[in-house]
N, C-alpha and C. Protein backbone atom coordinates (compact mmCIF):
# COMPACT_ATOMS: atom_id res chain seq x y z
N UNK A 1 -39.61 -39.89 3.16
CA UNK A 1 -39.11 -39.44 1.87
C UNK A 1 -37.61 -39.74 1.73
N UNK A 2 -36.87 -39.57 2.86
CA UNK A 2 -35.44 -39.84 2.82
C UNK A 2 -35.17 -41.31 2.52
N UNK A 3 -35.96 -42.19 3.09
CA UNK A 3 -35.72 -43.62 2.88
C UNK A 3 -35.98 -44.02 1.44
N UNK A 4 -36.99 -43.43 0.83
CA UNK A 4 -37.29 -43.76 -0.57
C UNK A 4 -36.16 -43.27 -1.47
N UNK A 5 -35.67 -42.07 -1.23
CA UNK A 5 -34.58 -41.53 -2.04
C UNK A 5 -33.30 -42.35 -1.81
N UNK A 6 -33.06 -42.76 -0.57
CA UNK A 6 -31.87 -43.55 -0.26
C UNK A 6 -31.93 -44.90 -0.94
N UNK A 7 -33.05 -45.59 -0.92
CA UNK A 7 -33.18 -46.90 -1.58
C UNK A 7 -33.03 -46.75 -3.10
N UNK A 8 -33.62 -45.71 -3.68
CA UNK A 8 -33.46 -45.49 -5.13
C UNK A 8 -32.00 -45.23 -5.46
N UNK A 9 -31.31 -44.46 -4.64
CA UNK A 9 -29.89 -44.16 -4.85
C UNK A 9 -29.05 -45.43 -4.76
N UNK A 10 -29.34 -46.28 -3.78
CA UNK A 10 -28.59 -47.54 -3.63
C UNK A 10 -28.85 -48.46 -4.82
N UNK A 11 -30.09 -48.55 -5.26
CA UNK A 11 -30.41 -49.38 -6.42
C UNK A 11 -29.71 -48.84 -7.67
N UNK A 12 -29.71 -47.52 -7.84
CA UNK A 12 -29.03 -46.90 -8.98
C UNK A 12 -27.53 -47.20 -8.97
N UNK A 13 -26.90 -47.12 -7.79
CA UNK A 13 -25.48 -47.43 -7.69
C UNK A 13 -25.19 -48.90 -7.98
N UNK A 14 -26.06 -49.77 -7.53
CA UNK A 14 -25.83 -51.20 -7.78
C UNK A 14 -25.96 -51.52 -9.27
N UNK A 15 -26.91 -50.89 -9.96
CA UNK A 15 -27.05 -51.12 -11.40
C UNK A 15 -25.86 -50.57 -12.17
N UNK A 16 -25.35 -49.41 -11.76
CA UNK A 16 -24.19 -48.86 -12.47
C UNK A 16 -22.93 -49.67 -12.19
N UNK A 17 -22.84 -50.26 -11.01
CA UNK A 17 -21.68 -51.08 -10.71
C UNK A 17 -21.70 -52.37 -11.53
N UNK A 18 -22.87 -52.92 -11.77
CA UNK A 18 -22.97 -54.14 -12.56
C UNK A 18 -22.82 -53.87 -14.05
N UNK A 19 -23.03 -52.64 -14.47
CA UNK A 19 -22.97 -52.31 -15.89
C UNK A 19 -21.54 -52.08 -16.37
N UNK A 20 -20.58 -52.12 -15.49
CA UNK A 20 -19.19 -51.91 -15.88
C UNK A 20 -18.70 -53.06 -16.73
N UNK A 21 -17.85 -52.76 -17.71
CA UNK A 21 -17.28 -53.79 -18.57
C UNK A 21 -16.16 -54.49 -17.81
N UNK A 22 -16.21 -55.79 -17.76
CA UNK A 22 -15.16 -56.56 -17.12
C UNK A 22 -13.99 -56.69 -18.07
N UNK A 23 -12.79 -56.45 -17.57
CA UNK A 23 -11.62 -56.61 -18.41
C UNK A 23 -11.23 -58.08 -18.46
N UNK A 24 -10.56 -58.45 -19.52
CA UNK A 24 -10.13 -59.83 -19.67
C UNK A 24 -9.04 -60.13 -18.66
N UNK A 25 -9.00 -61.36 -18.18
CA UNK A 25 -7.99 -61.75 -17.22
C UNK A 25 -6.62 -61.77 -17.88
N UNK A 26 -5.67 -61.15 -17.24
CA UNK A 26 -4.32 -61.10 -17.77
C UNK A 26 -3.57 -62.33 -17.29
N UNK A 27 -3.00 -63.06 -18.22
CA UNK A 27 -2.27 -64.26 -17.86
C UNK A 27 -0.80 -63.92 -17.71
N UNK A 28 -0.22 -64.43 -16.65
CA UNK A 28 1.17 -64.16 -16.34
C UNK A 28 2.02 -65.34 -16.80
N UNK A 29 3.12 -65.02 -17.47
CA UNK A 29 4.02 -66.07 -17.91
C UNK A 29 4.90 -66.49 -16.74
N UNK A 30 4.97 -67.76 -16.48
CA UNK A 30 5.77 -68.27 -15.37
C UNK A 30 7.10 -68.80 -15.90
N UNK A 31 8.09 -68.72 -15.05
CA UNK A 31 9.42 -69.21 -15.41
C UNK A 31 9.75 -70.39 -14.50
N UNK A 32 10.16 -71.48 -15.09
CA UNK A 32 10.53 -72.65 -14.31
C UNK A 32 12.01 -72.59 -14.00
N UNK A 33 12.34 -72.75 -12.73
CA UNK A 33 13.74 -72.73 -12.32
C UNK A 33 14.05 -74.03 -11.60
N UNK A 34 15.27 -74.49 -11.77
CA UNK A 34 15.68 -75.74 -11.12
C UNK A 34 16.21 -75.44 -9.73
N UNK A 35 16.21 -76.47 -8.90
CA UNK A 35 16.71 -76.34 -7.54
C UNK A 35 18.18 -76.71 -7.52
N UNK A 36 18.99 -75.85 -6.93
CA UNK A 36 20.43 -76.11 -6.85
C UNK A 36 20.70 -76.92 -5.60
N UNK A 37 21.29 -78.10 -5.79
CA UNK A 37 21.57 -78.96 -4.64
C UNK A 37 23.03 -78.94 -4.25
N UNK A 38 23.87 -78.33 -5.07
CA UNK A 38 25.30 -78.34 -4.82
C UNK A 38 25.74 -76.91 -4.48
N UNK A 39 26.36 -76.77 -3.32
CA UNK A 39 26.83 -75.45 -2.91
C UNK A 39 28.33 -75.50 -2.67
N UNK A 40 28.99 -74.40 -2.96
CA UNK A 40 30.43 -74.31 -2.74
C UNK A 40 30.69 -73.11 -1.84
N UNK A 41 31.66 -73.27 -0.97
CA UNK A 41 32.02 -72.21 -0.04
C UNK A 41 33.45 -71.76 -0.33
N UNK A 42 33.63 -70.46 -0.41
CA UNK A 42 34.96 -69.91 -0.64
C UNK A 42 35.32 -69.05 0.55
N UNK A 43 36.50 -69.26 1.10
CA UNK A 43 36.98 -68.47 2.21
C UNK A 43 38.14 -67.62 1.75
N UNK A 44 38.03 -66.34 1.95
CA UNK A 44 39.11 -65.42 1.63
C UNK A 44 39.81 -65.05 2.92
N UNK A 45 40.96 -65.65 3.14
CA UNK A 45 41.72 -65.39 4.36
C UNK A 45 42.78 -64.35 4.02
N UNK A 46 42.57 -63.16 4.52
CA UNK A 46 43.52 -62.09 4.29
C UNK A 46 43.85 -61.45 5.63
N UNK A 47 45.04 -60.97 5.74
CA UNK A 47 45.45 -60.32 6.99
C UNK A 47 44.89 -58.91 7.00
N UNK A 48 43.96 -58.66 7.89
CA UNK A 48 43.34 -57.34 8.01
C UNK A 48 43.75 -56.74 9.35
N UNK A 49 44.18 -55.51 9.30
CA UNK A 49 44.55 -54.82 10.52
C UNK A 49 43.37 -53.96 10.95
N UNK A 50 42.77 -54.31 12.05
CA UNK A 50 41.62 -53.56 12.54
C UNK A 50 41.95 -53.00 13.91
N UNK A 51 41.48 -51.81 14.15
CA UNK A 51 41.72 -51.14 15.41
C UNK A 51 40.44 -51.16 16.22
N UNK A 52 40.52 -51.64 17.44
CA UNK A 52 39.37 -51.65 18.33
C UNK A 52 39.57 -50.59 19.39
N UNK A 53 38.55 -49.77 19.61
CA UNK A 53 38.65 -48.73 20.62
C UNK A 53 38.01 -49.23 21.91
N UNK A 54 38.70 -49.02 22.97
CA UNK A 54 38.19 -49.44 24.27
C UNK A 54 37.82 -48.19 25.07
N UNK A 55 36.62 -48.20 25.59
CA UNK A 55 36.16 -47.10 26.42
C UNK A 55 36.10 -47.57 27.87
N UNK A 56 36.24 -46.62 28.76
CA UNK A 56 36.22 -46.97 30.18
C UNK A 56 34.85 -47.47 30.61
N UNK A 57 33.80 -46.83 30.12
CA UNK A 57 32.44 -47.22 30.47
C UNK A 57 31.73 -47.68 29.19
N UNK A 58 31.08 -48.82 29.27
CA UNK A 58 30.38 -49.36 28.12
C UNK A 58 29.18 -48.48 27.80
N UNK A 59 29.02 -48.12 26.55
CA UNK A 59 27.92 -47.30 26.06
C UNK A 59 27.83 -45.95 26.77
N UNK A 60 28.94 -45.38 27.15
CA UNK A 60 28.90 -44.13 27.89
C UNK A 60 28.39 -42.98 27.04
N UNK A 61 28.76 -42.93 25.77
CA UNK A 61 28.31 -41.85 24.90
C UNK A 61 26.81 -41.96 24.62
N UNK A 62 26.33 -43.18 24.43
CA UNK A 62 24.92 -43.38 24.16
C UNK A 62 24.09 -43.03 25.39
N UNK A 63 24.54 -43.46 26.55
CA UNK A 63 23.80 -43.17 27.78
C UNK A 63 23.79 -41.68 28.06
N UNK A 64 24.90 -40.99 27.79
CA UNK A 64 24.94 -39.55 28.01
C UNK A 64 23.97 -38.83 27.08
N UNK A 65 23.89 -39.26 25.82
CA UNK A 65 22.99 -38.61 24.88
C UNK A 65 21.54 -38.90 25.18
N UNK A 66 21.24 -40.07 25.73
CA UNK A 66 19.85 -40.40 26.05
C UNK A 66 19.37 -39.77 27.34
N UNK A 67 20.28 -39.43 28.24
CA UNK A 67 19.90 -38.84 29.53
C UNK A 67 20.07 -37.32 29.51
N UNK A 68 19.57 -36.66 28.48
CA UNK A 68 19.72 -35.22 28.39
C UNK A 68 18.76 -34.53 29.36
N UNK A 69 19.16 -33.37 29.81
CA UNK A 69 18.35 -32.61 30.78
C UNK A 69 18.07 -31.24 30.16
N UNK A 70 16.82 -30.85 30.14
CA UNK A 70 16.45 -29.55 29.61
C UNK A 70 16.27 -28.57 30.75
N UNK A 71 16.12 -27.29 30.41
CA UNK A 71 15.92 -26.27 31.43
C UNK A 71 14.57 -26.42 32.11
N UNK A 72 13.60 -27.01 31.44
CA UNK A 72 12.29 -27.19 32.01
C UNK A 72 12.29 -28.25 33.11
N UNK A 73 13.29 -29.12 33.13
CA UNK A 73 13.36 -30.18 34.15
C UNK A 73 13.89 -29.68 35.49
N UNK A 74 14.52 -28.51 35.51
CA UNK A 74 15.11 -28.00 36.74
C UNK A 74 14.02 -27.45 37.66
N UNK A 75 14.14 -27.66 38.97
CA UNK A 75 13.13 -27.12 39.89
C UNK A 75 13.28 -25.62 40.02
N UNK A 76 12.15 -24.96 40.25
CA UNK A 76 12.13 -23.51 40.38
C UNK A 76 11.62 -23.12 41.76
N UNK A 77 12.12 -22.02 42.23
CA UNK A 77 11.65 -21.48 43.51
C UNK A 77 10.36 -20.71 43.27
N UNK A 78 9.38 -20.89 44.18
CA UNK A 78 8.12 -20.19 44.04
C UNK A 78 8.16 -18.85 44.69
């Protein structure tokens, strides 16, 4: 009985899917653009004063933050 009801249900769904109205295809307007073959480069040379900070150990702050230790990591006496 289940198989008969299942096949009827599948056939019913297939008929309702085919009965849907198809919408008209929407056409997209395309824009034609030309290829630029000529490029120009502009260099802005200005005197900029920049400060560089030097640390004793490279990435010391990052390594310290990544190697955090929680209270659960400490060994306990039984």
